Amino acid sequence: AMLDFAMKVCDRSHEIDDNDFAPLHAHGFDDEDIWDIAAITAFFGLSNRMASFSGMQPNNEFFLMGRVPREKPKTH
């Protein structure tokens, strides 16, 4: 329920209505939790889009993490 809601915030936030909150409440999320899910999702969407359009990159070490294969340890 949480991930479905977060994806809707990301992709179709203009469609969110009261019906989207019921499944979250059924899973134990309160209104403050729902606010947090939406706010964090929206913030990451904003910051990632700003970084992408402006060409921002983190420092080289962080940027290369997961992009460059690690050297396998040599076996003797």
PDB file of N, CA and C in Angstrom:
ATOM      1  N   ALA A   1       0.828  -1.196   0.000  1.00  0.00           N
ATOM      2  CA  ALA A   1       0.000   0.000   0.000  1.00  0.00           C
ATOM      3  C   ALA A   1       0.872   1.259   0.000  1.00  0.00           C
ATOM      4  N   MET A   2       1.930   1.227   0.826  1.00  0.00           N
ATOM      5  CA  MET A   2       2.801   2.399   0.915  1.00  0.00           C
ATOM      6  C   MET A   2       3.495   2.659  -0.415  1.00  0.00           C
ATOM      7  N   LEU A   3       4.033   1.615  -1.029  1.00  0.00           N
ATOM      8  CA  LEU A   3       4.747   1.808  -2.293  1.00  0.00           C
ATOM      9  C   LEU A   3       3.796   2.202  -3.416  1.00  0.00           C
ATOM     10  N   ASP A   4       2.595   1.636  -3.425  1.00  0.00           N
ATOM     11  CA  ASP A   4       1.603   2.041  -4.431  1.00  0.00           C
ATOM     12  C   ASP A   4       1.282   3.526  -4.291  1.00  0.00           C
ATOM     13  N   PHE A   5       1.104   3.970  -3.053  1.00  0.00           N
ATOM     14  CA  PHE A   5       0.814   5.382  -2.811  1.00  0.00           C
ATOM     15  C   PHE A   5       1.988   6.260  -3.224  1.00  0.00           C
ATOM     16  N   ALA A   6       3.199   5.862  -2.861  1.00  0.00           N
ATOM     17  CA  ALA A   6       4.386   6.648  -3.223  1.00  0.00           C
ATOM     18  C   ALA A   6       4.528   6.752  -4.735  1.00  0.00           C
ATOM     19  N   MET A   7       4.275   5.660  -5.441  1.00  0.00           N
ATOM     20  CA  MET A   7       4.357   5.709  -6.908  1.00  0.00           C
ATOM     21  C   MET A   7       3.285   6.634  -7.487  1.00  0.00           C
ATOM     22  N   LYS A   8       2.113   6.643  -6.891  1.00  0.00           N
ATOM     23  CA  LYS A   8       1.068   7.543  -7.382  1.00  0.00           C
ATOM     24  C   LYS A   8       1.447   8.994  -7.117  1.00  0.00           C
ATOM     25  N   VAL A   9       2.046   9.275  -5.962  1.00  0.00           N
ATOM     26  CA  VAL A   9       2.534  10.632  -5.682  1.00  0.00           C
ATOM     27  C   VAL A   9       3.543  11.032  -6.748  1.00  0.00           C
ATOM     28  N   CYS A  10       4.411  10.115  -7.101  1.00  0.00           N
ATOM     29  CA  CYS A  10       5.468  10.390  -8.076  1.00  0.00           C
ATOM     30  C   CYS A  10       4.913  10.574  -9.488  1.00  0.00           C
ATOM     31  N   ASP A  11       4.026   9.685  -9.892  1.00  0.00           N
ATOM     32  CA  ASP A  11       3.575   9.650 -11.287  1.00  0.00           C
ATOM     33  C   ASP A  11       2.272  10.395 -11.570  1.00  0.00           C
ATOM     34  N   ARG A  12       1.346  10.394 -10.595  1.00  0.00           N
ATOM     35  CA  ARG A  12       0.010  10.941 -10.869  1.00  0.00           C
ATOM     36  C   ARG A  12      -0.554  11.663  -9.637  1.00  0.00           C
ATOM     37  N   SER A  13       0.232  12.542  -9.064  1.00  0.00           N
ATOM     38  CA  SER A  13      -0.190  13.192  -7.813  1.00  0.00           C
ATOM     39  C   SER A  13      -1.500  13.966  -7.963  1.00  0.00           C
ATOM     40  N   HIS A  14      -1.773  14.446  -9.152  1.00  0.00           N
ATOM     41  CA  HIS A  14      -3.011  15.204  -9.386  1.00  0.00           C
ATOM     42  C   HIS A  14      -4.261  14.326  -9.263  1.00  0.00           C
ATOM     43  N   GLU A  15      -4.089  13.008  -9.255  1.00  0.00           N
ATOM     44  CA  GLU A  15      -5.226  12.087  -9.149  1.00  0.00           C
ATOM     45  C   GLU A  15      -5.491  11.622  -7.715  1.00  0.00           C
ATOM     46  N   ILE A  16      -4.658  11.998  -6.767  1.00  0.00           N
ATOM     47  CA  ILE A  16      -4.818  11.509  -5.399  1.00  0.00           C
ATOM     48  C   ILE A  16      -6.076  12.105  -4.777  1.00  0.00           C
ATOM     49  N   ASP A  17      -6.858  11.222  -4.140  1.00  0.00           N
ATOM     50  CA  ASP A  17      -8.048  11.670  -3.424  1.00  0.00           C
ATOM     51  C   ASP A  17      -8.199  10.833  -2.152  1.00  0.00           C
ATOM     52  N   ASP A  18      -9.290  11.040  -1.440  1.00  0.00           N
ATOM     53  CA  ASP A  18      -9.494  10.353  -0.158  1.00  0.00           C
ATOM     54  C   ASP A  18      -9.449   8.835  -0.283  1.00  0.00           C
ATOM     55  N   ASN A  19      -9.814   8.302  -1.431  1.00  0.00           N
ATOM     56  CA  ASN A  19      -9.792   6.851  -1.620  1.00  0.00           C
ATOM     57  C   ASN A  19      -8.383   6.274  -1.535  1.00  0.00           C
ATOM     58  N   ASP A  20      -7.373   7.091  -1.762  1.00  0.00           N
ATOM     59  CA  ASP A  20      -5.990   6.614  -1.691  1.00  0.00           C
ATOM     60  C   ASP A  20      -5.505   6.459  -0.251  1.00  0.00           C
ATOM     61  N   PHE A  21      -6.178   7.090   0.695  1.00  0.00           N
ATOM     62  CA  PHE A  21      -5.742   7.040   2.084  1.00  0.00           C
ATOM     63  C   PHE A  21      -6.262   5.812   2.828  1.00  0.00           C
ATOM     64  N   ALA A  22      -7.410   5.284   2.421  1.00  0.00           N
ATOM     65  CA  ALA A  22      -8.021   4.152   3.130  1.00  0.00           C
ATOM     66  C   ALA A  22      -7.100   2.930   3.209  1.00  0.00           C
ATOM     67  N   PRO A  23      -6.457   2.512   2.103  1.00  0.00           N
ATOM     68  CA  PRO A  23      -5.562   1.353   2.215  1.00  0.00           C
ATOM     69  C   PRO A  23      -4.388   1.609   3.163  1.00  0.00           C
ATOM     70  N   LEU A  24      -3.908   2.836   3.198  1.00  0.00           N
ATOM     71  CA  LEU A  24      -2.809   3.166   4.103  1.00  0.00           C
ATOM     72  C   LEU A  24      -3.269   3.102   5.557  1.00  0.00           C
ATOM     73  N   HIS A  25      -4.446   3.654   5.832  1.00  0.00           N
ATOM     74  CA  HIS A  25      -4.996   3.572   7.187  1.00  0.00           C
ATOM     75  C   HIS A  25      -5.208   2.116   7.584  1.00  0.00           C
ATOM     76  N   ALA A  26      -5.666   1.283   6.644  1.00  0.00           N
ATOM     77  CA  ALA A  26      -5.893  -0.138   6.933  1.00  0.00           C
ATOM     78  C   ALA A  26      -4.598  -0.865   7.287  1.00  0.00           C
ATOM     79  N   HIS A  27      -3.471  -0.356   6.803  1.00  0.00           N
ATOM     80  CA  HIS A  27      -2.171  -0.955   7.118  1.00  0.00           C
ATOM     81  C   HIS A  27      -1.506  -0.289   8.329  1.00  0.00           C
ATOM     82  N   GLY A  28      -2.244   0.567   9.021  1.00  0.00           N
ATOM     83  CA  GLY A  28      -1.736   1.145  10.261  1.00  0.00           C
ATOM     84  C   GLY A  28      -1.054   2.496  10.134  1.00  0.00           C
ATOM     85  N   PHE A  29      -1.051   3.074   8.947  1.00  0.00           N
ATOM     86  CA  PHE A  29      -0.454   4.398   8.781  1.00  0.00           C
ATOM     87  C   PHE A  29      -1.463   5.456   9.221  1.00  0.00           C
ATOM     88  N   ASP A  30      -0.996   6.446   9.980  1.00  0.00           N
ATOM     89  CA  ASP A  30      -1.883   7.552  10.341  1.00  0.00           C
ATOM     90  C   ASP A  30      -1.649   8.715   9.370  1.00  0.00           C
ATOM     91  N   ASP A  31      -2.382   9.800   9.568  1.00  0.00           N
ATOM     92  CA  ASP A  31      -2.283  10.924   8.631  1.00  0.00           C
ATOM     93  C   ASP A  31      -0.881  11.527   8.592  1.00  0.00           C
ATOM     94  N   GLU A  32      -0.197  11.548   9.734  1.00  0.00           N
ATOM     95  CA  GLU A  32       1.168  12.074   9.751  1.00  0.00           C
ATOM     96  C   GLU A  32       2.111  11.161   8.951  1.00  0.00           C
ATOM     97  N   ASP A  33       1.925   9.855   9.079  1.00  0.00           N
ATOM     98  CA  ASP A  33       2.726   8.915   8.288  1.00  0.00           C
ATOM     99  C   ASP A  33       2.498   9.133   6.792  1.00  0.00           C
ATOM    100  N   ILE A  34       1.233   9.319   6.422  1.00  0.00           N
ATOM    101  CA  ILE A  34       0.891   9.523   5.010  1.00  0.00           C
ATOM    102  C   ILE A  34       1.529  10.814   4.502  1.00  0.00           C
ATOM    103  N   TRP A  35       1.496  11.859   5.316  1.00  0.00           N
ATOM    104  CA  TRP A  35       2.166  13.115   4.948  1.00  0.00           C
ATOM    105  C   TRP A  35       3.647  12.860   4.710  1.00  0.00           C
ATOM    106  N   ASP A  36       4.279  12.116   5.616  1.00  0.00           N
ATOM    107  CA  ASP A  36       5.712  11.832   5.483  1.00  0.00           C
ATOM    108  C   ASP A  36       6.016  11.059   4.203  1.00  0.00           C
ATOM    109  N   ILE A  37       5.208  10.056   3.897  1.00  0.00           N
ATOM    110  CA  ILE A  37       5.409   9.275   2.667  1.00  0.00           C
ATOM    111  C   ILE A  37       5.337  10.193   1.454  1.00  0.00           C
ATOM    112  N   ALA A  38       4.302  11.029   1.408  1.00  0.00           N
ATOM    113  CA  ALA A  38       4.125  11.932   0.267  1.00  0.00           C
ATOM    114  C   ALA A  38       5.237  12.974   0.197  1.00  0.00           C
ATOM    115  N   ALA A  39       5.603  13.551   1.332  1.00  0.00           N
ATOM    116  CA  ALA A  39       6.623  14.605   1.341  1.00  0.00           C
ATOM    117  C   ALA A  39       7.990  14.070   0.928  1.00  0.00           C
ATOM    118  N   ILE A  40       8.369  12.914   1.438  1.00  0.00           N
ATOM    119  CA  ILE A  40       9.668  12.334   1.082  1.00  0.00           C
ATOM    120  C   ILE A  40       9.693  11.945  -0.387  1.00  0.00           C
ATOM    121  N   THR A  41       8.605  11.352  -0.864  1.00  0.00           N
ATOM    122  CA  THR A  41       8.522  10.988  -2.280  1.00  0.00           C
ATOM    123  C   THR A  41       8.638  12.224  -3.160  1.00  0.00           C
ATOM    124  N   ALA A  42       7.895  13.269  -2.825  1.00  0.00           N
ATOM    125  CA  ALA A  42       7.920  14.500  -3.617  1.00  0.00           C
ATOM    126  C   ALA A  42       9.292  15.163  -3.573  1.00  0.00           C
ATOM    127  N   PHE A  43       9.931  15.181  -2.401  1.00  0.00           N
ATOM    128  CA  PHE A  43      11.249  15.797  -2.289  1.00  0.00           C
ATOM    129  C   PHE A  43      12.273  15.063  -3.151  1.00  0.00           C
ATOM    130  N   PHE A  44      12.286  13.734  -3.087  1.00  0.00           N
ATOM    131  CA  PHE A  44      13.248  12.993  -3.895  1.00  0.00           C
ATOM    132  C   PHE A  44      12.980  13.188  -5.383  1.00  0.00           C
ATOM    133  N   GLY A  45      11.702  13.238  -5.766  1.00  0.00           N
ATOM    134  CA  GLY A  45      11.382  13.515  -7.166  1.00  0.00           C
ATOM    135  C   GLY A  45      11.913  14.869  -7.602  1.00  0.00           C
ATOM    136  N   LEU A  46      11.697  15.885  -6.773  1.00  0.00           N
ATOM    137  CA  LEU A  46      12.183  17.232  -7.079  1.00  0.00           C
ATOM    138  C   LEU A  46      13.701  17.264  -7.161  1.00  0.00           C
ATOM    139  N   SER A  47      14.366  16.748  -6.131  1.00  0.00           N
ATOM    140  CA  SER A  47      15.828  16.858  -6.100  1.00  0.00           C
ATOM    141  C   SER A  47      16.482  16.058  -7.219  1.00  0.00           C
ATOM    142  N   ASN A  48      15.946  14.882  -7.536  1.00  0.00           N
ATOM    143  CA  ASN A  48      16.518  14.097  -8.630  1.00  0.00           C
ATOM    144  C   ASN A  48      16.313  14.775  -9.981  1.00  0.00           C
ATOM    145  N   ARG A  49      15.158  15.377 -10.184  1.00  0.00           N
ATOM    146  CA  ARG A  49      14.915  16.079 -11.449  1.00  0.00           C
ATOM    147  C   ARG A  49      15.816  17.306 -11.579  1.00  0.00           C
ATOM    148  N   MET A  50      16.007  18.038 -10.489  1.00  0.00           N
ATOM    149  CA  MET A  50      16.890  19.207 -10.532  1.00  0.00           C
ATOM    150  C   MET A  50      18.327  18.784 -10.806  1.00  0.00           C
ATOM    151  N   ALA A  51      18.764  17.705 -10.177  1.00  0.00           N
ATOM    152  CA  ALA A  51      20.125  17.218 -10.402  1.00  0.00           C
ATOM    153  C   ALA A  51      20.292  16.762 -11.846  1.00  0.00           C
ATOM    154  N   SER A  52      19.284  16.092 -12.385  1.00  0.00           N
ATOM    155  CA  SER A  52      19.378  15.598 -13.765  1.00  0.00           C
ATOM    156  C   SER A  52      19.430  16.729 -14.781  1.00  0.00           C
ATOM    157  N   PHE A  53      18.504  17.697 -14.663  1.00  0.00           N
ATOM    158  CA  PHE A  53      18.471  18.746 -15.688  1.00  0.00           C
ATOM    159  C   PHE A  53      19.686  19.660 -15.615  1.00  0.00           C
ATOM    160  N   SER A  54      20.262  19.796 -14.416  1.00  0.00           N
ATOM    161  CA  SER A  54      21.398  20.702 -14.281  1.00  0.00           C
ATOM    162  C   SER A  54      22.743  20.002 -14.452  1.00  0.00           C
ATOM    163  N   GLY A  55      22.711  18.683 -14.602  1.00  0.00           N
ATOM    164  CA  GLY A  55      23.952  17.938 -14.790  1.00  0.00           C
ATOM    165  C   GLY A  55      24.769  17.788 -13.520  1.00  0.00           C
ATOM    166  N   MET A  56      24.146  18.006 -12.350  1.00  0.00           N
ATOM    167  CA  MET A  56      24.865  17.867 -11.085  1.00  0.00           C
ATOM    168  C   MET A  56      25.333  16.438 -10.895  1.00  0.00           C
ATOM    169  N   GLN A  57      26.526  16.293 -10.365  1.00  0.00           N
ATOM    170  CA  GLN A  57      27.040  14.977 -10.008  1.00  0.00           C
ATOM    171  C   GLN A  57      27.698  15.069  -8.642  1.00  0.00           C
ATOM    172  N   PRO A  58      27.611  13.984  -7.881  1.00  0.00           N
ATOM    173  CA  PRO A  58      28.331  13.972  -6.613  1.00  0.00           C
ATOM    174  C   PRO A  58      29.824  13.840  -6.878  1.00  0.00           C
ATOM    175  N   ASN A  59      30.606  13.788  -5.822  1.00  0.00           N
ATOM    176  CA  ASN A  59      32.044  13.611  -6.027  1.00  0.00           C
ATOM    177  C   ASN A  59      32.306  12.305  -6.792  1.00  0.00           C
ATOM    178  N   ASN A  60      33.456  12.208  -7.416  1.00  0.00           N
ATOM    179  CA  ASN A  60      33.755  11.074  -8.297  1.00  0.00           C
ATOM    180  C   ASN A  60      33.648   9.725  -7.607  1.00  0.00           C
ATOM    181  N   GLU A  61      34.129   9.623  -6.374  1.00  0.00           N
ATOM    182  CA  GLU A  61      34.085   8.341  -5.678  1.00  0.00           C
ATOM    183  C   GLU A  61      32.649   7.858  -5.515  1.00  0.00           C
ATOM    184  N   PHE A  62      31.766   8.748  -5.092  1.00  0.00           N
ATOM    185  CA  PHE A  62      30.372   8.367  -4.898  1.00  0.00           C
ATOM    186  C   PHE A  62      29.701   8.095  -6.239  1.00  0.00           C
ATOM    187  N   PHE A  63      29.962   8.931  -7.234  1.00  0.00           N
ATOM    188  CA  PHE A  63      29.332   8.779  -8.541  1.00  0.00           C
ATOM    189  C   PHE A  63      29.666   7.432  -9.168  1.00  0.00           C
ATOM    190  N   LEU A  64      30.880   6.954  -8.973  1.00  0.00           N
ATOM    191  CA  LEU A  64      31.313   5.705  -9.600  1.00  0.00           C
ATOM    192  C   LEU A  64      30.847   4.453  -8.856  1.00  0.00           C
ATOM    193  N   MET A  65      30.345   4.620  -7.639  1.00  0.00           N
ATOM    194  CA  MET A  65      29.872   3.453  -6.878  1.00  0.00           C
ATOM    195  C   MET A  65      28.756   2.758  -7.642  1.00  0.00           C
ATOM    196  N   GLY A  66      28.918   1.485  -7.885  1.00  0.00           N
ATOM    197  CA  GLY A  66      27.906   0.712  -8.592  1.00  0.00           C
ATOM    198  C   GLY A  66      27.967   0.856 -10.094  1.00  0.00           C
ATOM    199  N   ARG A  67      28.784   1.766 -10.606  1.00  0.00           N
ATOM    200  CA  ARG A  67      28.902   1.955 -12.049  1.00  0.00           C
ATOM    201  C   ARG A  67      30.154   1.280 -12.598  1.00  0.00           C
ATOM    202  N   VAL A  68      31.133   1.090 -11.752  1.00  0.00           N
ATOM    203  CA  VAL A  68      32.392   0.476 -12.164  1.00  0.00           C
ATOM    204  C   VAL A  68      32.488  -0.866 -11.446  1.00  0.00           C
ATOM    205  N   PRO A  69      32.689  -1.938 -12.201  1.00  0.00           N
ATOM    206  CA  PRO A  69      32.781  -3.247 -11.545  1.00  0.00           C
ATOM    207  C   PRO A  69      33.949  -3.293 -10.562  1.00  0.00           C
ATOM    208  N   ARG A  70      33.725  -3.955  -9.459  1.00  0.00           N
ATOM    209  CA  ARG A  70      34.790  -4.135  -8.473  1.00  0.00           C
ATOM    210  C   ARG A  70      35.761  -5.195  -8.972  1.00  0.00           C
ATOM    211  N   GLU A  71      37.000  -5.038  -8.568  1.00  0.00           N
ATOM    212  CA  GLU A  71      37.979  -6.070  -8.889  1.00  0.00           C
ATOM    213  C   GLU A  71      37.722  -7.264  -7.991  1.00  0.00           C
ATOM    214  N   LYS A  72      37.734  -8.445  -8.596  1.00  0.00           N
ATOM    215  CA  LYS A  72      37.556  -9.653  -7.804  1.00  0.00           C
ATOM    216  C   LYS A  72      38.878  -9.995  -7.140  1.00  0.00           C
ATOM    217  N   PRO A  73      38.808 -10.455  -5.901  1.00  0.00           N
ATOM    218  CA  PRO A  73      40.058 -10.831  -5.232  1.00  0.00           C
ATOM    219  C   PRO A  73      40.740 -11.977  -5.979  1.00  0.00           C
ATOM    220  N   LYS A  74      42.028 -11.891  -6.059  1.00  0.00           N
ATOM    221  CA  LYS A  74      42.787 -12.942  -6.735  1.00  0.00           C
ATOM    222  C   LYS A  74      42.908 -14.143  -5.813  1.00  0.00           C
ATOM    223  N   THR A  75      42.675 -15.303  -6.379  1.00  0.00           N
ATOM    224  CA  THR A  75      42.843 -16.529  -5.599  1.00  0.00           C
ATOM    225  C   THR A  75      44.190 -17.134  -5.923  1.00  0.00           C
ATOM    226  N   HIS A  76      44.774 -17.756  -4.958  1.00  0.00           N
ATOM    227  CA  HIS A  76      46.109 -18.330  -5.148  1.00  0.00           C
ATOM    228  C   HIS A  76      46.040 -19.783  -5.447  1.00  0.00           C
TER     229      HIS A  76
END
